Amino acid sequence: MKYLNKVEEFLIASTLLIVTVVLFVNIVLRYGFSNNTSWAEEFIRYGMIWIAFIGSSVCFRKGMHVGVDFLSELLKGKVKKGLRLFVNLASMVFMVFLIKYSIDLVLFTQEMGQITPSLQIPLFYIYLAIPIGSALSLLHLTIQTVQIIRNKEKVETLAETIQD
């Protein structure tokens, strides 16, 4: 899991760096030389899509997923554990549906042969971010849920993370 965590974070960081450099170069070209690249905006958009979906899995791993921290902080013991289990299980169900329907979307766009307007790459490569990010999120949620059940929870709440 440590290797997977490093790969996720490296992918996010490197994509963010590349997107930032492309954006900066495009701005310099546009305002400095009155010339910009037609593909840069599209590349940045698709890079941000990948960052968002892989980043969501990192957020799930770190326990920063959708949850009501205010309510969680008010609860104690088994009720708090039950709320965390409920949120994780509901998120897992959502991820299963997201994986299923996003795979259908990827297969459909691959079958139709759709390509991006400027970059001219198959559109299904962009849509692959959805099932990959969702599968990684589901993996992290499953591990967290098992840890919660075994009382070996290592996840901090968002409020605890901000306080540190």
N, C-alpha and C. Protein backbone atom coordinates (compact mmCIF):
# COMPACT_ATOMS: atom_id res chain seq x y z
N MET A 1 0.82 -1.21 0.00
CA MET A 1 0.00 0.00 0.00
C MET A 1 0.86 1.27 0.00
N LYS A 2 2.02 1.21 0.63
CA LYS A 2 2.88 2.40 0.65
C LYS A 2 3.31 2.76 -0.78
N TYR A 3 3.57 1.74 -1.59
CA TYR A 3 3.97 1.97 -2.98
C TYR A 3 2.82 2.63 -3.75
N LEU A 4 1.62 2.13 -3.57
CA LEU A 4 0.45 2.70 -4.24
C LEU A 4 0.22 4.15 -3.80
N ASN A 5 0.38 4.41 -2.52
CA ASN A 5 0.22 5.77 -2.00
C ASN A 5 1.23 6.72 -2.65
N LYS A 6 2.47 6.26 -2.77
CA LYS A 6 3.50 7.09 -3.39
C LYS A 6 3.20 7.33 -4.87
N VAL A 7 2.71 6.31 -5.57
CA VAL A 7 2.37 6.44 -6.99
C VAL A 7 1.24 7.45 -7.16
N GLU A 8 0.21 7.35 -6.32
CA GLU A 8 -0.91 8.30 -6.39
C GLU A 8 -0.42 9.73 -6.20
N GLU A 9 0.36 9.94 -5.16
CA GLU A 9 0.83 11.28 -4.86
C GLU A 9 1.79 11.79 -5.93
N PHE A 10 2.64 10.92 -6.46
CA PHE A 10 3.55 11.32 -7.53
C PHE A 10 2.77 11.70 -8.78
N LEU A 11 1.75 10.92 -9.11
CA LEU A 11 0.94 11.20 -10.29
C LEU A 11 0.23 12.55 -10.15
N ILE A 12 -0.32 12.81 -8.99
CA ILE A 12 -1.00 14.09 -8.76
C ILE A 12 -0.01 15.25 -8.84
N ALA A 13 1.13 15.11 -8.15
CA ALA A 13 2.11 16.19 -8.11
C ALA A 13 2.70 16.47 -9.49
N SER A 14 3.06 15.42 -10.21
CA SER A 14 3.67 15.62 -11.53
C SER A 14 2.66 16.19 -12.52
N THR A 15 1.42 15.72 -12.47
CA THR A 15 0.40 16.26 -13.36
C THR A 15 0.12 17.72 -13.04
N LEU A 16 0.06 18.05 -11.77
CA LEU A 16 -0.16 19.44 -11.37
C LEU A 16 1.00 20.33 -11.83
N LEU A 17 2.22 19.84 -11.71
CA LEU A 17 3.38 20.60 -12.15
C LEU A 17 3.34 20.82 -13.66
N ILE A 18 3.06 19.78 -14.41
CA ILE A 18 3.00 19.89 -15.88
C ILE A 18 1.88 20.85 -16.30
N VAL A 19 0.72 20.71 -15.68
CA VAL A 19 -0.41 21.59 -16.00
C VAL A 19 -0.05 23.04 -15.69
N THR A 20 0.60 23.27 -14.58
CA THR A 20 0.99 24.63 -14.20
C THR A 20 1.99 25.22 -15.20
N VAL A 21 2.97 24.44 -15.60
CA VAL A 21 3.96 24.92 -16.57
C VAL A 21 3.29 25.23 -17.90
N VAL A 22 2.43 24.34 -18.38
CA VAL A 22 1.73 24.58 -19.65
C VAL A 22 0.87 25.83 -19.55
N LEU A 23 0.19 26.01 -18.44
CA LEU A 23 -0.64 27.20 -18.25
C LEU A 23 0.22 28.47 -18.25
N PHE A 24 1.33 28.44 -17.55
CA PHE A 24 2.23 29.59 -17.49
C PHE A 24 2.76 29.93 -18.88
N VAL A 25 3.24 28.93 -19.60
CA VAL A 25 3.77 29.15 -20.95
C VAL A 25 2.68 29.72 -21.86
N ASN A 26 1.47 29.18 -21.75
CA ASN A 26 0.37 29.66 -22.59
C ASN A 26 0.02 31.12 -22.27
N ILE A 27 0.07 31.48 -21.00
CA ILE A 27 -0.21 32.87 -20.62
C ILE A 27 0.88 33.80 -21.16
N VAL A 28 2.14 33.38 -21.04
CA VAL A 28 3.24 34.19 -21.58
C VAL A 28 3.09 34.35 -23.09
N LEU A 29 2.76 33.25 -23.77
CA LEU A 29 2.58 33.32 -25.23
C LEU A 29 1.41 34.24 -25.60
N ARG A 30 0.33 34.14 -24.85
CA ARG A 30 -0.87 34.92 -25.17
C ARG A 30 -0.66 36.41 -24.94
N TYR A 31 -0.16 36.78 -23.76
CA TYR A 31 -0.06 38.19 -23.42
C TYR A 31 1.29 38.80 -23.80
N GLY A 32 2.33 38.00 -23.90
CA GLY A 32 3.64 38.53 -24.25
C GLY A 32 3.89 38.58 -25.75
N PHE A 33 3.33 37.61 -26.47
CA PHE A 33 3.60 37.51 -27.89
C PHE A 33 2.34 37.49 -28.75
N SER A 34 1.19 37.70 -28.14
CA SER A 34 -0.11 37.67 -28.84
C SER A 34 -0.29 36.39 -29.65
N ASN A 35 0.16 35.31 -29.08
CA ASN A 35 0.07 34.01 -29.75
C ASN A 35 -0.06 32.94 -28.65
N ASN A 36 -1.05 32.08 -28.78
CA ASN A 36 -1.18 31.01 -27.80
C ASN A 36 -1.40 29.69 -28.52
N THR A 37 -1.21 28.62 -27.80
CA THR A 37 -1.40 27.30 -28.38
C THR A 37 -2.87 26.89 -28.25
N SER A 38 -3.36 26.22 -29.26
CA SER A 38 -4.78 25.83 -29.25
C SER A 38 -5.03 24.62 -28.36
N TRP A 39 -4.01 23.83 -28.12
CA TRP A 39 -4.19 22.60 -27.37
C TRP A 39 -4.02 22.77 -25.86
N ALA A 40 -3.43 23.89 -25.42
CA ALA A 40 -3.08 24.05 -24.00
C ALA A 40 -4.30 24.02 -23.09
N GLU A 41 -5.35 24.73 -23.46
CA GLU A 41 -6.54 24.78 -22.61
C GLU A 41 -7.14 23.38 -22.44
N GLU A 42 -7.19 22.65 -23.54
CA GLU A 42 -7.73 21.29 -23.49
C GLU A 42 -6.84 20.38 -22.63
N PHE A 43 -5.54 20.48 -22.79
CA PHE A 43 -4.61 19.67 -22.01
C PHE A 43 -4.75 19.97 -20.51
N ILE A 44 -4.87 21.25 -20.18
CA ILE A 44 -5.01 21.65 -18.77
C ILE A 44 -6.31 21.10 -18.19
N ARG A 45 -7.40 21.20 -18.95
CA ARG A 45 -8.70 20.70 -18.49
C ARG A 45 -8.63 19.19 -18.20
N TYR A 46 -8.03 18.44 -19.12
CA TYR A 46 -7.95 17.00 -18.94
C TYR A 46 -6.99 16.62 -17.82
N GLY A 47 -5.93 17.38 -17.66
CA GLY A 47 -5.03 17.14 -16.54
C GLY A 47 -5.72 17.37 -15.21
N MET A 48 -6.54 18.41 -15.14
CA MET A 48 -7.28 18.70 -13.91
C MET A 48 -8.31 17.62 -13.60
N ILE A 49 -8.88 17.02 -14.63
CA ILE A 49 -9.82 15.91 -14.42
C ILE A 49 -9.09 14.75 -13.76
N TRP A 50 -7.91 14.41 -14.27
CA TRP A 50 -7.14 13.31 -13.67
C TRP A 50 -6.73 13.65 -12.24
N ILE A 51 -6.31 14.89 -12.02
CA ILE A 51 -5.92 15.31 -10.67
C ILE A 51 -7.10 15.18 -9.71
N ALA A 52 -8.28 15.57 -10.15
CA ALA A 52 -9.47 15.52 -9.28
C ALA A 52 -9.82 14.09 -8.89
N PHE A 53 -9.82 13.17 -9.85
CA PHE A 53 -10.25 11.81 -9.53
C PHE A 53 -9.20 11.03 -8.76
N ILE A 54 -7.93 11.19 -9.09
CA ILE A 54 -6.89 10.52 -8.31
C ILE A 54 -6.78 11.20 -6.94
N GLY A 55 -6.94 12.52 -6.92
CA GLY A 55 -6.90 13.25 -5.66
C GLY A 55 -8.02 12.86 -4.72
N SER A 56 -9.18 12.51 -5.28
CA SER A 56 -10.28 12.08 -4.41
C SER A 56 -9.92 10.79 -3.68
N SER A 57 -9.17 9.91 -4.34
CA SER A 57 -8.77 8.67 -3.66
C SER A 57 -7.80 8.97 -2.52
N VAL A 58 -6.92 9.95 -2.73
CA VAL A 58 -6.00 10.35 -1.66
C VAL A 58 -6.79 10.94 -0.49
N CYS A 59 -7.81 11.72 -0.80
CA CYS A 59 -8.65 12.29 0.26
C CYS A 59 -9.36 11.18 1.04
N PHE A 60 -9.85 10.17 0.34
CA PHE A 60 -10.48 9.05 1.04
C PHE A 60 -9.46 8.34 1.92
N ARG A 61 -8.25 8.17 1.43
CA ARG A 61 -7.20 7.50 2.22
C ARG A 61 -6.90 8.28 3.48
N LYS A 62 -6.90 9.59 3.39
CA LYS A 62 -6.56 10.43 4.54
C LYS A 62 -7.77 10.75 5.41
N GLY A 63 -8.94 10.22 5.05
CA GLY A 63 -10.13 10.44 5.86
C GLY A 63 -10.74 11.80 5.69
N MET A 64 -10.50 12.42 4.55
CA MET A 64 -11.03 13.75 4.31
C MET A 64 -12.22 13.70 3.36
N HIS A 65 -12.91 12.58 3.34
CA HIS A 65 -14.06 12.41 2.46
C HIS A 65 -15.29 13.07 3.06
N VAL A 66 -16.37 12.95 2.34
CA VAL A 66 -17.61 13.58 2.79
C VAL A 66 -18.00 13.00 4.13
N GLY A 67 -18.15 13.86 5.06
CA GLY A 67 -18.56 13.46 6.39
C GLY A 67 -18.93 14.72 7.14
N VAL A 68 -19.64 14.57 8.18
CA VAL A 68 -20.05 15.73 8.94
C VAL A 68 -19.17 15.76 10.19
N ASP A 69 -18.06 16.51 10.07
CA ASP A 69 -17.12 16.57 11.19
C ASP A 69 -17.76 17.16 12.44
N PHE A 70 -18.60 18.15 12.24
CA PHE A 70 -19.26 18.77 13.39
C PHE A 70 -20.05 17.73 14.16
N LEU A 71 -20.85 16.95 13.45
CA LEU A 71 -21.65 15.91 14.09
C LEU A 71 -20.76 14.82 14.66
N SER A 72 -19.73 14.45 13.93
CA SER A 72 -18.81 13.42 14.39
C SER A 72 -18.11 13.81 15.68
N GLU A 73 -17.77 15.09 15.79
CA GLU A 73 -17.09 15.56 16.99
C GLU A 73 -18.02 15.57 18.22
N LEU A 74 -19.31 15.70 17.99
CA LEU A 74 -20.28 15.69 19.09
C LEU A 74 -20.55 14.29 19.61
N LEU A 75 -20.38 13.30 18.75
CA LEU A 75 -20.71 11.92 19.10
C LEU A 75 -19.52 11.23 19.76
N LYS A 76 -19.82 10.22 20.53
CA LYS A 76 -18.79 9.45 21.24
C LYS A 76 -19.03 7.96 21.06
N GLY A 77 -17.98 7.20 21.22
CA GLY A 77 -18.07 5.74 21.29
C GLY A 77 -18.67 5.06 20.08
N LYS A 78 -19.62 4.17 20.38
CA LYS A 78 -20.22 3.33 19.33
C LYS A 78 -21.05 4.13 18.34
N VAL A 79 -21.65 5.21 18.78
CA VAL A 79 -22.45 6.04 17.88
C VAL A 79 -21.54 6.71 16.85
N LYS A 80 -20.40 7.20 17.31
CA LYS A 80 -19.42 7.82 16.41
C LYS A 80 -18.89 6.79 15.43
N LYS A 81 -18.59 5.61 15.93
CA LYS A 81 -18.10 4.52 15.08
C LYS A 81 -19.17 4.12 14.07
N GLY A 82 -20.42 4.07 14.51
CA GLY A 82 -21.52 3.73 13.61
C GLY A 82 -21.70 4.76 12.50
N LEU A 83 -21.56 6.04 12.86
CA LEU A 83 -21.66 7.10 11.85
C LEU A 83 -20.55 6.97 10.82
N ARG A 84 -19.34 6.72 11.28
CA ARG A 84 -18.21 6.56 10.35
C ARG A 84 -18.41 5.35 9.45
N LEU A 85 -18.91 4.27 10.03
CA LEU A 85 -19.19 3.08 9.22
C LEU A 85 -20.26 3.37 8.17
N PHE A 86 -21.32 4.06 8.59
CA PHE A 86 -22.39 4.39 7.65
C PHE A 86 -21.88 5.25 6.50
N VAL A 87 -21.10 6.29 6.82
CA VAL A 87 -20.56 7.18 5.79
C VAL A 87 -19.65 6.39 4.84
N ASN A 88 -18.80 5.54 5.40
CA ASN A 88 -17.91 4.73 4.56
C ASN A 88 -18.69 3.77 3.68
N LEU A 89 -19.68 3.10 4.24
CA LEU A 89 -20.45 2.14 3.45
C LEU A 89 -21.25 2.84 2.36
N ALA A 90 -21.84 3.99 2.67
CA ALA A 90 -22.57 4.74 1.65
C ALA A 90 -21.62 5.21 0.54
N SER A 91 -20.43 5.64 0.92
CA SER A 91 -19.43 6.06 -0.06
C SER A 91 -18.98 4.88 -0.91
N MET A 92 -18.85 3.71 -0.30
CA MET A 92 -18.45 2.51 -1.04
C MET A 92 -19.51 2.12 -2.07
N VAL A 93 -20.76 2.19 -1.68
CA VAL A 93 -21.85 1.89 -2.62
C VAL A 93 -21.82 2.86 -3.79
N PHE A 94 -21.63 4.14 -3.49
CA PHE A 94 -21.54 5.15 -4.55
C PHE A 94 -20.37 4.84 -5.47
N MET A 95 -19.22 4.46 -4.92
CA MET A 95 -18.04 4.16 -5.75
C MET A 95 -18.28 2.95 -6.65
N VAL A 96 -18.99 1.95 -6.15
CA VAL A 96 -19.30 0.78 -6.98
C VAL A 96 -20.13 1.20 -8.19
N PHE A 97 -21.16 2.01 -7.96
CA PHE A 97 -21.98 2.50 -9.07
C PHE A 97 -21.16 3.37 -10.02
N LEU A 98 -20.32 4.21 -9.46
CA LEU A 98 -19.49 5.08 -10.29
C LEU A 98 -18.53 4.26 -11.15
N ILE A 99 -17.95 3.23 -10.58
CA ILE A 99 -17.05 2.36 -11.35
C ILE A 99 -17.81 1.68 -12.48
N LYS A 100 -18.97 1.13 -12.17
CA LYS A 100 -19.74 0.40 -13.18
C LYS A 100 -20.14 1.30 -14.34
N TYR A 101 -20.71 2.46 -14.04
CA TYR A 101 -21.19 3.34 -15.11
C TYR A 101 -20.05 4.06 -15.83
N SER A 102 -18.96 4.31 -15.14
CA SER A 102 -17.84 4.95 -15.83
C SER A 102 -17.12 3.97 -16.76
N ILE A 103 -17.09 2.70 -16.39
CA ILE A 103 -16.55 1.69 -17.31
C ILE A 103 -17.42 1.61 -18.56
N ASP A 104 -18.72 1.66 -18.37
CA ASP A 104 -19.63 1.69 -19.53
C ASP A 104 -19.33 2.89 -20.42
N LEU A 105 -19.10 4.05 -19.81
CA LEU A 105 -18.79 5.26 -20.56
C LEU A 105 -17.48 5.11 -21.33
N VAL A 106 -16.46 4.57 -20.66
CA VAL A 106 -15.16 4.38 -21.31
C VAL A 106 -15.29 3.44 -22.50
N LEU A 107 -16.00 2.33 -22.31
CA LEU A 107 -16.17 1.37 -23.40
C LEU A 107 -16.97 1.96 -24.55
N PHE A 108 -17.99 2.77 -24.24
CA PHE A 108 -18.79 3.40 -25.28
C PHE A 108 -17.95 4.38 -26.10
N THR A 109 -17.18 5.23 -25.41
CA THR A 109 -16.38 6.20 -26.15
C THR A 109 -15.26 5.52 -26.94
N GLN A 110 -14.76 4.42 -26.42
CA GLN A 110 -13.75 3.67 -27.16
C GLN A 110 -14.36 3.05 -28.42
N GLU A 111 -15.55 2.49 -28.26
CA GLU A 111 -16.26 1.87 -29.38
C GLU A 111 -16.63 2.90 -30.45
N MET A 112 -17.02 4.09 -30.03
CA MET A 112 -17.41 5.14 -30.97
C MET A 112 -16.20 5.82 -31.62
N GLY A 113 -15.03 5.63 -31.05
CA GLY A 113 -13.83 6.22 -31.62
C GLY A 113 -13.74 7.72 -31.46
N GLN A 114 -14.37 8.27 -30.43
CA GLN A 114 -14.36 9.71 -30.21
C GLN A 114 -12.94 10.19 -29.86
N ILE A 115 -12.56 11.34 -30.41
CA ILE A 115 -11.26 11.92 -30.12
C ILE A 115 -11.45 13.35 -29.63
N THR A 116 -10.44 13.85 -28.95
CA THR A 116 -10.51 15.22 -28.44
C THR A 116 -10.27 16.20 -29.59
N PRO A 117 -10.87 17.38 -29.52
CA PRO A 117 -10.79 18.32 -30.65
C PRO A 117 -9.37 18.81 -30.98
N SER A 118 -8.61 19.25 -30.00
CA SER A 118 -7.30 19.83 -30.28
C SER A 118 -6.16 18.82 -30.21
N LEU A 119 -6.17 18.01 -29.17
CA LEU A 119 -5.07 17.07 -28.98
C LEU A 119 -5.17 15.83 -29.88
N GLN A 120 -6.38 15.55 -30.37
CA GLN A 120 -6.62 14.41 -31.26
C GLN A 120 -6.23 13.07 -30.62
N ILE A 121 -6.50 12.95 -29.31
CA ILE A 121 -6.27 11.67 -28.64
C ILE A 121 -7.63 11.04 -28.34
N PRO A 122 -7.68 9.73 -28.23
CA PRO A 122 -8.96 9.08 -27.93
C PRO A 122 -9.53 9.59 -26.60
N LEU A 123 -10.80 9.93 -26.61
CA LEU A 123 -11.46 10.51 -25.45
C LEU A 123 -11.55 9.53 -24.28
N PHE A 124 -11.52 8.24 -24.57
CA PHE A 124 -11.64 7.28 -23.47
C PHE A 124 -10.45 7.35 -22.52
N TYR A 125 -9.29 7.85 -22.99
CA TYR A 125 -8.16 8.02 -22.09
C TYR A 125 -8.48 9.06 -21.00
N ILE A 126 -9.23 10.06 -21.35
CA ILE A 126 -9.63 11.07 -20.37
C ILE A 126 -10.64 10.47 -19.39
N TYR A 127 -11.62 9.75 -19.94
CA TYR A 127 -12.66 9.15 -19.11
C TYR A 127 -12.13 8.03 -18.21
N LEU A 128 -10.98 7.47 -18.52
CA LEU A 128 -10.39 6.43 -17.66
C LEU A 128 -10.09 6.94 -16.26
N ALA A 129 -9.97 8.25 -16.10
CA ALA A 129 -9.72 8.82 -14.78
C ALA A 129 -10.85 8.47 -13.81
N ILE A 130 -12.06 8.36 -14.32
CA ILE A 130 -13.21 8.12 -13.44
C ILE A 130 -13.17 6.71 -12.83
N PRO A 131 -13.10 5.63 -13.63
CA PRO A 131 -13.06 4.31 -12.98
C PRO A 131 -11.78 4.07 -12.20
N ILE A 132 -10.65 4.61 -12.66
CA ILE A 132 -9.40 4.40 -11.92
C ILE A 132 -9.46 5.12 -10.58
N GLY A 133 -9.85 6.38 -10.57
CA GLY A 133 -9.97 7.12 -9.32
C GLY A 133 -11.01 6.52 -8.38
N SER A 134 -12.12 6.06 -8.95
CA SER A 134 -13.17 5.45 -8.13
C SER A 134 -12.71 4.12 -7.55
N ALA A 135 -11.99 3.33 -8.33
CA ALA A 135 -11.49 2.04 -7.83
C ALA A 135 -10.47 2.26 -6.71
N LEU A 136 -9.60 3.24 -6.88
CA LEU A 136 -8.64 3.56 -5.81
C LEU A 136 -9.37 4.06 -4.57
N SER A 137 -10.40 4.87 -4.76
CA SER A 137 -11.19 5.35 -3.63
C SER A 137 -11.87 4.19 -2.91
N LEU A 138 -12.43 3.28 -3.69
CA LEU A 138 -13.09 2.10 -3.10
C LEU A 138 -12.09 1.26 -2.31
N LEU A 139 -10.89 1.10 -2.83
CA LEU A 139 -9.85 0.35 -2.12
C LEU A 139 -9.53 1.01 -0.78
N HIS A 140 -9.32 2.32 -0.79
CA HIS A 140 -9.01 3.02 0.46
C HIS A 140 -10.18 3.00 1.43
N LEU A 141 -11.39 3.12 0.92
CA LEU A 141 -12.58 3.05 1.79
C LEU A 141 -12.72 1.67 2.42
N THR A 142 -12.45 0.64 1.65
CA THR A 142 -12.54 -0.73 2.17
C THR A 142 -11.53 -0.94 3.30
N ILE A 143 -10.31 -0.48 3.09
CA ILE A 143 -9.27 -0.61 4.12
C ILE A 143 -9.68 0.16 5.38
N GLN A 144 -10.18 1.38 5.20
CA GLN A 144 -10.63 2.18 6.35
C GLN A 144 -11.77 1.51 7.09
N THR A 145 -12.71 0.96 6.34
CA THR A 145 -13.86 0.32 6.97
C THR A 145 -13.43 -0.88 7.79
N VAL A 146 -12.51 -1.67 7.27
CA VAL A 146 -11.99 -2.82 8.03
C VAL A 146 -11.28 -2.33 9.28
N GLN A 147 -10.52 -1.23 9.17
CA GLN A 147 -9.83 -0.68 10.34
C GLN A 147 -10.83 -0.17 11.38
N ILE A 148 -11.91 0.43 10.93
CA ILE A 148 -12.93 0.92 11.87
C ILE A 148 -13.56 -0.26 12.60
N ILE A 149 -13.89 -1.31 11.86
CA ILE A 149 -14.52 -2.49 12.46
C ILE A 149 -13.59 -3.14 13.46
N ARG A 150 -12.30 -3.19 13.15
CA ARG A 150 -11.31 -3.82 14.04
C ARG A 150 -10.82 -2.87 15.14
N ASN A 151 -11.36 -1.67 15.19
CA ASN A 151 -10.93 -0.66 16.16
C ASN A 151 -9.46 -0.30 16.02
N LYS A 152 -8.95 -0.33 14.78
CA LYS A 152 -7.56 0.05 14.52
C LYS A 152 -7.54 1.25 13.57
N GLU A 153 -8.46 2.13 13.78
CA GLU A 153 -8.62 3.26 12.90
C GLU A 153 -7.44 4.21 13.01
N LYS A 154 -6.83 4.52 11.87
CA LYS A 154 -5.70 5.44 11.83
C LYS A 154 -6.07 6.74 11.14
N VAL A 155 -7.31 6.91 10.83
CA VAL A 155 -7.77 8.05 10.05
C VAL A 155 -8.09 9.21 10.98
N GLU A 156 -7.57 10.39 10.61
CA GLU A 156 -7.91 11.59 11.36
C GLU A 156 -9.13 12.24 10.72
N THR A 157 -9.91 12.92 11.52
CA THR A 157 -10.98 13.69 10.94
C THR A 157 -10.39 14.97 10.35
N LEU A 158 -11.15 15.64 9.53
CA LEU A 158 -10.70 16.87 8.91
C LEU A 158 -10.37 17.91 9.98
N ALA A 159 -11.18 17.98 11.00
CA ALA A 159 -10.96 18.96 12.07
C ALA A 159 -9.63 18.68 12.78
N GLU A 160 -9.30 17.42 13.03
CA GLU A 160 -8.03 17.08 13.68
C GLU A 160 -6.85 17.41 12.77
N THR A 161 -7.01 17.22 11.48
CA THR A 161 -5.95 17.52 10.53
C THR A 161 -5.67 19.00 10.49
N ILE A 162 -6.72 19.81 10.50
CA ILE A 162 -6.56 21.27 10.44
C ILE A 162 -5.94 21.80 11.72
N GLN A 163 -6.26 21.20 12.87
CA GLN A 163 -5.71 21.66 14.14
C GLN A 163 -4.21 21.42 14.22
N ASP A 164 -3.72 20.37 13.58
CA ASP A 164 -2.28 20.06 13.63
C ASP A 164 -1.51 20.94 12.74
